Protein backbone atom coordinates (compact mmCIF):
# COMPACT_ATOMS: atom_id res chain seq x y z
CA MET A 1 0.00 0.00 0.00
CA SER A 2 1.47 3.33 -1.03
CA SER A 3 1.09 6.57 0.89
CA SER A 4 -1.16 8.02 -1.83
CA ASP A 5 -3.72 5.26 -1.25
CA ASP A 6 -4.13 5.71 2.49
CA GLY A 7 -5.95 9.06 2.39
CA GLY A 8 -4.30 10.28 5.60
CA TYR A 9 -1.10 10.71 7.55
CA VAL A 10 1.58 8.03 7.40
CA HIS A 11 4.58 8.18 9.72
CA ASP A 12 7.81 8.47 7.76
CA PRO A 13 10.88 7.88 9.93
CA ALA A 14 13.10 9.54 7.31
CA ALA A 15 11.28 12.81 7.88
CA PHE A 16 12.84 13.14 11.36
CA ASP A 17 16.44 13.72 12.37
CA GLU A 18 18.34 11.83 15.09
CA ASP A 19 16.90 14.09 17.82
CA GLY A 20 13.33 13.31 16.78
CA GLU A 21 12.75 16.75 15.31
CA PRO A 22 11.04 16.97 11.91
CA THR A 23 13.34 17.87 9.04
CA GLU A 24 12.56 20.64 6.59
CA SER A 25 10.47 19.55 3.64
CA ALA A 26 9.24 21.23 0.48
CA ASP A 27 5.83 21.61 2.11
CA ASP A 28 7.33 23.74 4.89
CA ASP A 29 8.94 26.26 2.53
CA TRP A 30 6.06 28.69 3.02
CA LEU A 31 6.87 28.74 6.75
CA VAL A 32 10.45 29.83 6.10
CA ASN A 33 9.76 32.17 3.17
CA PRO A 34 6.13 33.32 3.41
CA ALA A 35 4.66 35.27 0.52
CA HIS A 36 4.03 38.94 1.16
CA PRO A 37 0.30 39.83 1.06
CA GLU A 38 0.92 42.44 -1.64
CA THR A 39 2.09 39.70 -4.01
CA ALA A 40 -1.34 38.07 -3.95
CA ASP A 41 -3.76 38.80 -6.76
CA ARG A 42 -6.18 41.06 -4.88
CA GLU A 43 -7.90 43.40 -7.29
CA PHE A 44 -11.19 45.19 -6.91
CA ASP A 45 -13.01 43.08 -9.47
CA TRP A 46 -16.61 41.96 -9.92
CA ARG A 47 -16.66 40.50 -6.39
CA GLY A 48 -16.00 43.96 -4.96
CA TRP A 49 -18.72 45.49 -7.10
CA THR A 50 -21.11 42.78 -5.87
CA VAL A 51 -20.41 43.87 -2.28
CA VAL A 52 -20.92 47.51 -3.26
CA GLY A 53 -24.26 46.57 -4.81
CA MET A 54 -25.33 44.79 -1.63
CA ILE A 55 -24.32 47.83 0.43
CA VAL A 56 -26.56 49.99 -1.76
CA VAL A 57 -29.42 47.55 -1.28
CA ALA A 58 -28.91 47.31 2.49
CA PHE A 59 -28.37 51.00 3.21
CA ILE A 60 -30.47 52.78 0.58
CA ILE A 61 -33.10 50.53 -0.97
CA ALA A 62 -34.20 48.71 2.22
CA PRO A 63 -34.74 51.91 4.25
CA GLY A 64 -36.53 53.44 1.26
CA ALA A 65 -38.79 50.39 1.10
CA ILE A 66 -39.62 50.85 4.79
CA LEU A 67 -40.65 54.45 4.11
CA LEU A 68 -42.79 53.42 1.15
CA TRP A 69 -44.38 50.43 2.93
CA PRO A 70 -48.07 51.10 3.47
CA PRO A 71 -48.85 51.22 7.21
CA SER A 72 -52.03 49.23 6.79
CA VAL A 73 -50.11 46.17 5.55
CA GLY A 74 -48.06 45.69 8.72
CA TYR A 75 -45.56 48.33 9.66
CA ARG A 76 -43.99 46.18 12.37
CA PHE A 77 -43.31 43.48 9.77
CA ALA A 78 -41.66 46.08 7.56
CA LEU A 79 -39.43 47.35 10.36
CA LEU A 80 -38.24 43.85 11.26
CA THR A 81 -38.07 41.99 7.96
CA LEU A 82 -37.08 44.54 5.34
CA PRO A 83 -33.75 45.41 7.03
CA LEU A 84 -33.05 41.81 8.08
CA PHE A 85 -32.84 40.15 4.66
CA PRO A 86 -30.53 42.70 2.99
CA ALA A 87 -28.27 42.69 6.06
CA PHE A 88 -28.03 38.91 5.97
CA PHE A 89 -27.25 38.87 2.26
CA LEU A 90 -24.71 41.67 2.71
CA ALA A 91 -22.89 39.61 5.35
CA VAL A 92 -22.92 36.46 3.20
CA THR A 93 -21.73 38.40 0.16
CA ALA A 94 -18.91 40.06 2.11
CA VAL A 95 -17.64 36.71 3.40
CA TRP A 96 -17.93 35.18 -0.07
CA ALA A 97 -16.07 38.08 -1.70
CA THR A 98 -13.17 38.07 0.74
CA THR A 99 -12.52 34.33 0.84
CA ARG A 100 -10.76 33.25 -2.31
CA PRO A 101 -9.09 29.96 -3.09
């Protein structure tokens, strides 16, 4: 059975020195020489504009909808629900836009 078939960790005695400390491997290179954050591809692209659009919805359109909501339909419902949904979608969109593979 090879190590690629096991699907998990396999102890490799050659990966440790005589003191029992792990030796440097190619996988640990990022620990020694980490990439500077400015070298990452972080542009204000369509994900950023999606967040801006959700901010407009949450801070301009939702309060405007509350003002235009007819009081006879349920003003309490408008005050609780109309701000809640855009705020939730703004939070989800912000997390989605900032987490990139």
